[in-house]
Amino acid sequence: MKGVNVEIMGQTLIVASDAGDEWVKSVAETVDDRIKQLRESGQTVSSINLAILAALNFADELERLKKQHQELLERIAAINNRLGAAIEG
């Protein structure tokens, strides 16, 4: 697996991924952008704190999206059941 160079918080990192170079660069840019937003908001000055806050932000977003995804799956299953009953009945 080949690595791709990315820059986050002024640090150059080599990231290896099966997802491809453009995906890795896009994800790294998203992380760097989130950290810049946090830095601009004046919430913290420590690099470690910025990285932790960015991670917490992404984790919160992920958990919310997982919940929304599950709710959508349940709604689709309910609609599917109603359609199946309507077709049979």
PDB file of N, CA and C in Angstrom:
ATOM      1  N   MET A   1       0.850  -1.166   0.000  1.00  0.00           N
ATOM      2  CA  MET A   1       0.000   0.000   0.000  1.00  0.00           C
ATOM      3  C   MET A   1       0.902   1.237   0.000  1.00  0.00           C
ATOM      4  N   LYS A   2       0.667   2.084  -0.953  1.00  0.00           N
ATOM      5  CA  LYS A   2       1.461   3.296  -1.116  1.00  0.00           C
ATOM      6  C   LYS A   2       0.894   4.419  -0.263  1.00  0.00           C
ATOM      7  N   GLY A   3       1.754   5.260   0.255  1.00  0.00           N
ATOM      8  CA  GLY A   3       1.310   6.390   1.056  1.00  0.00           C
ATOM      9  C   GLY A   3       1.202   7.655   0.224  1.00  0.00           C
ATOM     10  N   VAL A   4       0.403   8.581   0.719  1.00  0.00           N
ATOM     11  CA  VAL A   4       0.245   9.875   0.069  1.00  0.00           C
ATOM     12  C   VAL A   4       0.562  10.954   1.099  1.00  0.00           C
ATOM     13  N   ASN A   5       1.266  11.992   0.674  1.00  0.00           N
ATOM     14  CA  ASN A   5       1.602  13.097   1.562  1.00  0.00           C
ATOM     15  C   ASN A   5       0.406  14.019   1.718  1.00  0.00           C
ATOM     16  N   VAL A   6       0.098  14.345   2.968  1.00  0.00           N
ATOM     17  CA  VAL A   6      -0.961  15.307   3.273  1.00  0.00           C
ATOM     18  C   VAL A   6      -0.422  16.271   4.323  1.00  0.00           C
ATOM     19  N   GLU A   7      -1.074  17.430   4.427  1.00  0.00           N
ATOM     20  CA  GLU A   7      -0.661  18.405   5.428  1.00  0.00           C
ATOM     21  C   GLU A   7      -1.846  18.750   6.309  1.00  0.00           C
ATOM     22  N   ILE A   8      -1.648  18.573   7.607  1.00  0.00           N
ATOM     23  CA  ILE A   8      -2.665  18.912   8.610  1.00  0.00           C
ATOM     24  C   ILE A   8      -1.967  19.713   9.700  1.00  0.00           C
ATOM     25  N   MET A   9      -2.497  20.880   9.991  1.00  0.00           N
ATOM     26  CA  MET A   9      -1.934  21.774  11.009  1.00  0.00           C
ATOM     27  C   MET A   9      -0.466  22.091  10.731  1.00  0.00           C
ATOM     28  N   GLY A  10      -0.135  22.227   9.448  1.00  0.00           N
ATOM     29  CA  GLY A  10       1.234  22.556   9.082  1.00  0.00           C
ATOM     30  C   GLY A  10       2.199  21.392   9.155  1.00  0.00           C
ATOM     31  N   GLN A  11       1.690  20.217   9.492  1.00  0.00           N
ATOM     32  CA  GLN A  11       2.520  19.020   9.600  1.00  0.00           C
ATOM     33  C   GLN A  11       2.292  18.137   8.383  1.00  0.00           C
ATOM     34  N   THR A  12       3.373  17.717   7.749  1.00  0.00           N
ATOM     35  CA  THR A  12       3.267  16.807   6.618  1.00  0.00           C
ATOM     36  C   THR A  12       3.256  15.377   7.138  1.00  0.00           C
ATOM     37  N   LEU A  13       2.247  14.649   6.708  1.00  0.00           N
ATOM     38  CA  LEU A  13       2.089  13.252   7.117  1.00  0.00           C
ATOM     39  C   LEU A  13       2.021  12.372   5.886  1.00  0.00           C
ATOM     40  N   ILE A  14       2.457  11.151   6.023  1.00  0.00           N
ATOM     41  CA  ILE A  14       2.287  10.164   4.961  1.00  0.00           C
ATOM     42  C   ILE A  14       1.183   9.219   5.422  1.00  0.00           C
ATOM     43  N   VAL A  15       0.109   9.167   4.647  1.00  0.00           N
ATOM     44  CA  VAL A  15      -1.057   8.356   5.010  1.00  0.00           C
ATOM     45  C   VAL A  15      -1.245   7.274   3.951  1.00  0.00           C
ATOM     46  N   ALA A  16      -1.354   6.052   4.409  1.00  0.00           N
ATOM     47  CA  ALA A  16      -1.600   4.928   3.516  1.00  0.00           C
ATOM     48  C   ALA A  16      -3.068   4.526   3.622  1.00  0.00           C
ATOM     49  N   SER A  17      -3.687   4.293   2.476  1.00  0.00           N
ATOM     50  CA  SER A  17      -5.098   3.915   2.469  1.00  0.00           C
ATOM     51  C   SER A  17      -5.427   3.181   1.184  1.00  0.00           C
ATOM     52  N   ASP A  18      -6.360   2.244   1.297  1.00  0.00           N
ATOM     53  CA  ASP A  18      -6.850   1.548   0.111  1.00  0.00           C
ATOM     54  C   ASP A  18      -7.828   2.408  -0.681  1.00  0.00           C
ATOM     55  N   ALA A  19      -8.253   3.529  -0.093  1.00  0.00           N
ATOM     56  CA  ALA A  19      -9.294   4.355  -0.704  1.00  0.00           C
ATOM     57  C   ALA A  19      -8.786   5.208  -1.862  1.00  0.00           C
ATOM     58  N   GLY A  20      -7.501   5.356  -2.019  1.00  0.00           N
ATOM     59  CA  GLY A  20      -6.953   6.146  -3.118  1.00  0.00           C
ATOM     60  C   GLY A  20      -6.466   7.510  -2.656  1.00  0.00           C
ATOM     61  N   ASP A  21      -5.522   8.041  -3.407  1.00  0.00           N
ATOM     62  CA  ASP A  21      -4.862   9.285  -3.049  1.00  0.00           C
ATOM     63  C   ASP A  21      -5.829  10.460  -2.933  1.00  0.00           C
ATOM     64  N   GLU A  22      -6.722  10.609  -3.890  1.00  0.00           N
ATOM     65  CA  GLU A  22      -7.627  11.768  -3.873  1.00  0.00           C
ATOM     66  C   GLU A  22      -8.557  11.725  -2.662  1.00  0.00           C
ATOM     67  N   TRP A  23      -9.007  10.538  -2.286  1.00  0.00           N
ATOM     68  CA  TRP A  23      -9.871  10.402  -1.113  1.00  0.00           C
ATOM     69  C   TRP A  23      -9.107  10.795   0.154  1.00  0.00           C
ATOM     70  N   VAL A  24      -7.882  10.298   0.284  1.00  0.00           N
ATOM     71  CA  VAL A  24      -7.059  10.611   1.449  1.00  0.00           C
ATOM     72  C   VAL A  24      -6.809  12.113   1.533  1.00  0.00           C
ATOM     73  N   LYS A  25      -6.480  12.732   0.410  1.00  0.00           N
ATOM     74  CA  LYS A  25      -6.246  14.179   0.385  1.00  0.00           C
ATOM     75  C   LYS A  25      -7.511  14.941   0.767  1.00  0.00           C
ATOM     76  N   SER A  26      -8.653  14.486   0.289  1.00  0.00           N
ATOM     77  CA  SER A  26      -9.925  15.139   0.607  1.00  0.00           C
ATOM     78  C   SER A  26     -10.239  15.035   2.097  1.00  0.00           C
ATOM     79  N   VAL A  27     -10.039  13.864   2.662  1.00  0.00           N
ATOM     80  CA  VAL A  27     -10.291  13.662   4.095  1.00  0.00           C
ATOM     81  C   VAL A  27      -9.338  14.522   4.920  1.00  0.00           C
ATOM     82  N   ALA A  28      -8.071  14.532   4.553  1.00  0.00           N
ATOM     83  CA  ALA A  28      -7.087  15.345   5.274  1.00  0.00           C
ATOM     84  C   ALA A  28      -7.441  16.825   5.187  1.00  0.00           C
ATOM     85  N   GLU A  29      -7.902  17.272   4.046  1.00  0.00           N
ATOM     86  CA  GLU A  29      -8.303  18.670   3.883  1.00  0.00           C
ATOM     87  C   GLU A  29      -9.502  19.000   4.770  1.00  0.00           C
ATOM     88  N   THR A  30     -10.432  18.056   4.870  1.00  0.00           N
ATOM     89  CA  THR A  30     -11.594  18.250   5.741  1.00  0.00           C
ATOM     90  C   THR A  30     -11.151  18.385   7.196  1.00  0.00           C
ATOM     91  N   VAL A  31     -10.236  17.534   7.626  1.00  0.00           N
ATOM     92  CA  VAL A  31      -9.722  17.602   8.998  1.00  0.00           C
ATOM     93  C   VAL A  31      -9.005  18.925   9.227  1.00  0.00           C
ATOM     94  N   ASP A  32      -8.148  19.311   8.300  1.00  0.00           N
ATOM     95  CA  ASP A  32      -7.408  20.555   8.436  1.00  0.00           C
ATOM     96  C   ASP A  32      -8.354  21.756   8.473  1.00  0.00           C
ATOM     97  N   ASP A  33      -9.381  21.738   7.636  1.00  0.00           N
ATOM     98  CA  ASP A  33     -10.372  22.823   7.625  1.00  0.00           C
ATOM     99  C   ASP A  33     -11.106  22.919   8.963  1.00  0.00           C
ATOM    100  N   ARG A  34     -11.490  21.771   9.523  1.00  0.00           N
ATOM    101  CA  ARG A  34     -12.192  21.782  10.810  1.00  0.00           C
ATOM    102  C   ARG A  34     -11.298  22.357  11.902  1.00  0.00           C
ATOM    103  N   ILE A  35     -10.035  21.978  11.897  1.00  0.00           N
ATOM    104  CA  ILE A  35      -9.097  22.497  12.897  1.00  0.00           C
ATOM    105  C   ILE A  35      -8.924  24.006  12.721  1.00  0.00           C
ATOM    106  N   LYS A  36      -8.854  24.469  11.474  1.00  0.00           N
ATOM    107  CA  LYS A  36      -8.742  25.916  11.224  1.00  0.00           C
ATOM    108  C   LYS A  36      -9.972  26.648  11.744  1.00  0.00           C
ATOM    109  N   GLN A  37     -11.155  26.072  11.548  1.00  0.00           N
ATOM    110  CA  GLN A  37     -12.389  26.693  12.057  1.00  0.00           C
ATOM    111  C   GLN A  37     -12.349  26.789  13.573  1.00  0.00           C
ATOM    112  N   LEU A  38     -11.898  25.737  14.221  1.00  0.00           N
ATOM    113  CA  LEU A  38     -11.800  25.757  15.682  1.00  0.00           C
ATOM    114  C   LEU A  38     -10.781  26.792  16.149  1.00  0.00           C
ATOM    115  N   ARG A  39      -9.670  26.866  15.452  1.00  0.00           N
ATOM    116  CA  ARG A  39      -8.629  27.835  15.812  1.00  0.00           C
ATOM    117  C   ARG A  39      -9.167  29.260  15.670  1.00  0.00           C
ATOM    118  N   GLU A  40      -9.915  29.514  14.575  1.00  0.00           N
ATOM    119  CA  GLU A  40     -10.474  30.849  14.330  1.00  0.00           C
ATOM    120  C   GLU A  40     -11.554  31.223  15.341  1.00  0.00           C
ATOM    121  N   SER A  41     -12.221  30.221  15.897  1.00  0.00           N
ATOM    122  CA  SER A  41     -13.273  30.499  16.870  1.00  0.00           C
ATOM    123  C   SER A  41     -12.694  30.930  18.212  1.00  0.00           C
ATOM    124  N   GLY A  42     -11.387  30.750  18.379  1.00  0.00           N
ATOM    125  CA  GLY A  42     -10.721  31.175  19.602  1.00  0.00           C
ATOM    126  C   GLY A  42     -10.964  30.254  20.778  1.00  0.00           C
ATOM    127  N   GLN A  43     -11.456  29.044  20.530  1.00  0.00           N
ATOM    128  CA  GLN A  43     -11.753  28.123  21.618  1.00  0.00           C
ATOM    129  C   GLN A  43     -10.495  27.630  22.328  1.00  0.00           C
ATOM    130  N   THR A  44      -9.405  27.504  21.611  1.00  0.00           N
ATOM    131  CA  THR A  44      -8.194  26.944  22.210  1.00  0.00           C
ATOM    132  C   THR A  44      -6.983  27.332  21.378  1.00  0.00           C
ATOM    133  N   VAL A  45      -5.815  27.254  21.958  1.00  0.00           N
ATOM    134  CA  VAL A  45      -4.590  27.562  21.221  1.00  0.00           C
ATOM    135  C   VAL A  45      -3.659  26.360  21.123  1.00  0.00           C
ATOM    136  N   SER A  46      -3.813  25.401  21.995  1.00  0.00           N
ATOM    137  CA  SER A  46      -2.967  24.214  21.999  1.00  0.00           C
ATOM    138  C   SER A  46      -3.283  23.317  20.812  1.00  0.00           C
ATOM    139  N   SER A  47      -2.238  22.875  20.127  1.00  0.00           N
ATOM    140  CA  SER A  47      -2.426  21.984  18.981  1.00  0.00           C
ATOM    141  C   SER A  47      -3.109  20.683  19.377  1.00  0.00           C
ATOM    142  N   ILE A  48      -2.715  20.154  20.518  1.00  0.00           N
ATOM    143  CA  ILE A  48      -3.337  18.915  21.006  1.00  0.00           C
ATOM    144  C   ILE A  48      -4.820  19.145  21.269  1.00  0.00           C
ATOM    145  N   ASN A  49      -5.141  20.257  21.932  1.00  0.00           N
ATOM    146  CA  ASN A  49      -6.551  20.553  22.209  1.00  0.00           C
ATOM    147  C   ASN A  49      -7.345  20.756  20.923  1.00  0.00           C
ATOM    148  N   LEU A  50      -6.743  21.416  19.935  1.00  0.00           N
ATOM    149  CA  LEU A  50      -7.420  21.591  18.646  1.00  0.00           C
ATOM    150  C   LEU A  50      -7.700  20.241  17.988  1.00  0.00           C
ATOM    151  N   ALA A  51      -6.706  19.354  18.012  1.00  0.00           N
ATOM    152  CA  ALA A  51      -6.877  18.031  17.410  1.00  0.00           C
ATOM    153  C   ALA A  51      -7.953  17.234  18.145  1.00  0.00           C
ATOM    154  N   ILE A  52      -7.955  17.330  19.481  1.00  0.00           N
ATOM    155  CA  ILE A  52      -8.958  16.608  20.272  1.00  0.00           C
ATOM    156  C   ILE A  52     -10.352  17.169  20.005  1.00  0.00           C
ATOM    157  N   LEU A  53     -10.479  18.494  19.965  1.00  0.00           N
ATOM    158  CA  LEU A  53     -11.786  19.101  19.671  1.00  0.00           C
ATOM    159  C   LEU A  53     -12.276  18.717  18.281  1.00  0.00           C
ATOM    160  N   ALA A  54     -11.369  18.698  17.307  1.00  0.00           N
ATOM    161  CA  ALA A  54     -11.752  18.283  15.954  1.00  0.00           C
ATOM    162  C   ALA A  54     -12.218  16.832  15.967  1.00  0.00           C
ATOM    163  N   ALA A  55     -11.498  15.970  16.678  1.00  0.00           N
ATOM    164  CA  ALA A  55     -11.891  14.561  16.774  1.00  0.00           C
ATOM    165  C   ALA A  55     -13.259  14.424  17.428  1.00  0.00           C
ATOM    166  N   LEU A  56     -13.499  15.192  18.495  1.00  0.00           N
ATOM    167  CA  LEU A  56     -14.806  15.153  19.157  1.00  0.00           C
ATOM    168  C   LEU A  56     -15.915  15.642  18.227  1.00  0.00           C
ATOM    169  N   ASN A  57     -15.635  16.683  17.468  1.00  0.00           N
ATOM    170  CA  ASN A  57     -16.611  17.185  16.499  1.00  0.00           C
ATOM    171  C   ASN A  57     -16.954  16.108  15.470  1.00  0.00           C
ATOM    172  N   PHE A  58     -15.928  15.464  14.928  1.00  0.00           N
ATOM    173  CA  PHE A  58     -16.164  14.416  13.926  1.00  0.00           C
ATOM    174  C   PHE A  58     -16.881  13.215  14.536  1.00  0.00           C
ATOM    175  N   ALA A  59     -16.521  12.835  15.758  1.00  0.00           N
ATOM    176  CA  ALA A  59     -17.183  11.708  16.419  1.00  0.00           C
ATOM    177  C   ALA A  59     -18.659  12.017  16.655  1.00  0.00           C
ATOM    178  N   ASP A  60     -18.953  13.244  17.082  1.00  0.00           N
ATOM    179  CA  ASP A  60     -20.340  13.660  17.290  1.00  0.00           C
ATOM    180  C   ASP A  60     -21.114  13.589  15.976  1.00  0.00           C
ATOM    181  N   GLU A  61     -20.519  14.123  14.925  1.00  0.00           N
ATOM    182  CA  GLU A  61     -21.170  14.093  13.613  1.00  0.00           C
ATOM    183  C   GLU A  61     -21.396  12.659  13.144  1.00  0.00           C
ATOM    184  N   LEU A  62     -20.409  11.798  13.339  1.00  0.00           N
ATOM    185  CA  LEU A  62     -20.535  10.395  12.946  1.00  0.00           C
ATOM    186  C   LEU A  62     -21.659   9.709  13.704  1.00  0.00           C
ATOM    187  N   GLU A  63     -21.716   9.908  15.010  1.00  0.00           N
ATOM    188  CA  GLU A  63     -22.757   9.269  15.816  1.00  0.00           C
ATOM    189  C   GLU A  63     -24.151   9.752  15.412  1.00  0.00           C
ATOM    190  N   ARG A  64     -24.276  11.050  15.140  1.00  0.00           N
ATOM    191  CA  ARG A  64     -25.566  11.583  14.680  1.00  0.00           C
ATOM    192  C   ARG A  64     -25.963  10.981  13.332  1.00  0.00           C
ATOM    193  N   LEU A  65     -24.995  10.862  12.426  1.00  0.00           N
ATOM    194  CA  LEU A  65     -25.277  10.280  11.114  1.00  0.00           C
ATOM    195  C   LEU A  65     -25.621   8.798  11.217  1.00  0.00           C
ATOM    196  N   LYS A  66     -24.958   8.075  12.121  1.00  0.00           N
ATOM    197  CA  LYS A  66     -25.296   6.661  12.333  1.00  0.00           C
ATOM    198  C   LYS A  66     -26.725   6.521  12.834  1.00  0.00           C
ATOM    199  N   LYS A  67     -27.113   7.400  13.755  1.00  0.00           N
ATOM    200  CA  LYS A  67     -28.477   7.365  14.280  1.00  0.00           C
ATOM    201  C   LYS A  67     -29.486   7.679  13.174  1.00  0.00           C
ATOM    202  N   GLN A  68     -29.208   8.715  12.378  1.00  0.00           N
ATOM    203  CA  GLN A  68     -30.100   9.061  11.273  1.00  0.00           C
ATOM    204  C   GLN A  68     -30.188   7.916  10.263  1.00  0.00           C
ATOM    205  N   HIS A  69     -29.055   7.277   9.995  1.00  0.00           N
ATOM    206  CA  HIS A  69     -29.023   6.156   9.060  1.00  0.00           C
ATOM    207  C   HIS A  69     -29.903   5.012   9.561  1.00  0.00           C
ATOM    208  N   GLN A  70     -29.777   4.692  10.847  1.00  0.00           N
ATOM    209  CA  GLN A  70     -30.586   3.625  11.437  1.00  0.00           C
ATOM    210  C   GLN A  70     -32.072   3.970  11.358  1.00  0.00           C
ATOM    211  N   GLU A  71     -32.411   5.215  11.658  1.00  0.00           N
ATOM    212  CA  GLU A  71     -33.810   5.649  11.586  1.00  0.00           C
ATOM    213  C   GLU A  71     -34.341   5.535  10.159  1.00  0.00           C
ATOM    214  N   LEU A  72     -33.534   5.892   9.174  1.00  0.00           N
ATOM    215  CA  LEU A  72     -33.952   5.764   7.775  1.00  0.00           C
ATOM    216  C   LEU A  72     -34.145   4.307   7.385  1.00  0.00           C
ATOM    217  N   LEU A  73     -33.229   3.443   7.841  1.00  0.00           N
ATOM    218  CA  LEU A  73     -33.380   2.012   7.559  1.00  0.00           C
ATOM    219  C   LEU A  73     -34.682   1.471   8.153  1.00  0.00           C
ATOM    220  N   GLU A  74     -34.999   1.911   9.365  1.00  0.00           N
ATOM    221  CA  GLU A  74     -36.239   1.465  10.004  1.00  0.00           C
ATOM    222  C   GLU A  74     -37.463   1.984   9.254  1.00  0.00           C
ATOM    223  N   ARG A  75     -37.411   3.226   8.789  1.00  0.00           N
ATOM    224  CA  ARG A  75     -38.534   3.781   8.026  1.00  0.00           C
ATOM    225  C   ARG A  75     -38.709   3.050   6.699  1.00  0.00           C
ATOM    226  N   ILE A  76     -37.590   2.723   6.043  1.00  0.00           N
ATOM    227  CA  ILE A  76     -37.644   1.984   4.780  1.00  0.00           C
ATOM    228  C   ILE A  76     -38.230   0.602   5.014  1.00  0.00           C
ATOM    229  N   ALA A  77     -37.818  -0.060   6.096  1.00  0.00           N
ATOM    230  CA  ALA A  77     -38.353  -1.392   6.409  1.00  0.00           C
ATOM    231  C   ALA A  77     -39.855  -1.312   6.669  1.00  0.00           C
ATOM    232  N   ALA A  78     -40.309  -0.282   7.382  1.00  0.00           N
ATOM    233  CA  ALA A  78     -41.741  -0.128   7.666  1.00  0.00           C
ATOM    234  C   ALA A  78     -42.516   0.108   6.375  1.00  0.00           C
ATOM    235  N   ILE A  79     -41.983   0.951   5.497  1.00  0.00           N
ATOM    236  CA  ILE A  79     -42.647   1.208   4.210  1.00  0.00           C
ATOM    237  C   ILE A  79     -42.676  -0.053   3.377  1.00  0.00           C
ATOM    238  N   ASN A  80     -41.580  -0.789   3.384  1.00  0.00           N
ATOM    239  CA  ASN A  80     -41.519  -2.051   2.647  1.00  0.00           C
ATOM    240  C   ASN A  80     -42.558  -3.044   3.158  1.00  0.00           C
ATOM    241  N   ASN A  81     -42.713  -3.121   4.481  1.00  0.00           N
ATOM    242  CA  ASN A  81     -43.715  -4.018   5.054  1.00  0.00           C
ATOM    243  C   ASN A  81     -45.131  -3.609   4.656  1.00  0.00           C
ATOM    244  N   ARG A  82     -45.397  -2.284   4.700  1.00  0.00           N
ATOM    245  CA  ARG A  82     -46.724  -1.807   4.301  1.00  0.00           C
ATOM    246  C   ARG A  82     -46.993  -2.073   2.831  1.00  0.00           C
ATOM    247  N   LEU A  83     -45.989  -1.865   1.989  1.00  0.00           N
ATOM    248  CA  LEU A  83     -46.162  -2.141   0.560  1.00  0.00           C
ATOM    249  C   LEU A  83     -46.386  -3.623   0.314  1.00  0.00           C
ATOM    250  N   GLY A  84     -45.619  -4.442   1.015  1.00  0.00           N
ATOM    251  CA  GLY A  84     -45.798  -5.897   0.867  1.00  0.00           C
ATOM    252  C   GLY A  84     -47.187  -6.330   1.289  1.00  0.00           C
ATOM    253  N   ALA A  85     -47.679  -5.768   2.396  1.00  0.00           N
ATOM    254  CA  ALA A  85     -49.032  -6.104   2.865  1.00  0.00           C
ATOM    255  C   ALA A  85     -50.083  -5.611   1.896  1.00  0.00           C
ATOM    256  N   ALA A  86     -49.873  -4.441   1.322  1.00  0.00           N
ATOM    257  CA  ALA A  86     -50.835  -3.879   0.372  1.00  0.00           C
ATOM    258  C   ALA A  86     -50.895  -4.726  -0.906  1.00  0.00           C
ATOM    259  N   ILE A  87     -49.743  -5.206  -1.333  1.00  0.00           N
ATOM    260  CA  ILE A  87     -49.698  -6.022  -2.556  1.00  0.00           C
ATOM    261  C   ILE A  87     -50.364  -7.376  -2.307  1.00  0.00           C
ATOM    262  N   GLU A  88     -50.108  -7.971  -1.137  1.00  0.00           N
ATOM    263  CA  GLU A  88     -50.677  -9.284  -0.821  1.00  0.00           C
ATOM    264  C   GLU A  88     -52.173  -9.190  -0.494  1.00  0.00           C
ATOM    265  N   GLY A  89     -52.587  -8.053   0.086  1.00  0.00           N
ATOM    266  CA  GLY A  89     -53.955  -7.979   0.599  1.00  0.00           C
ATOM    267  C   GLY A  89     -54.893  -7.326  -0.340  1.00  0.00           C
TER     268      GLY A  89
END
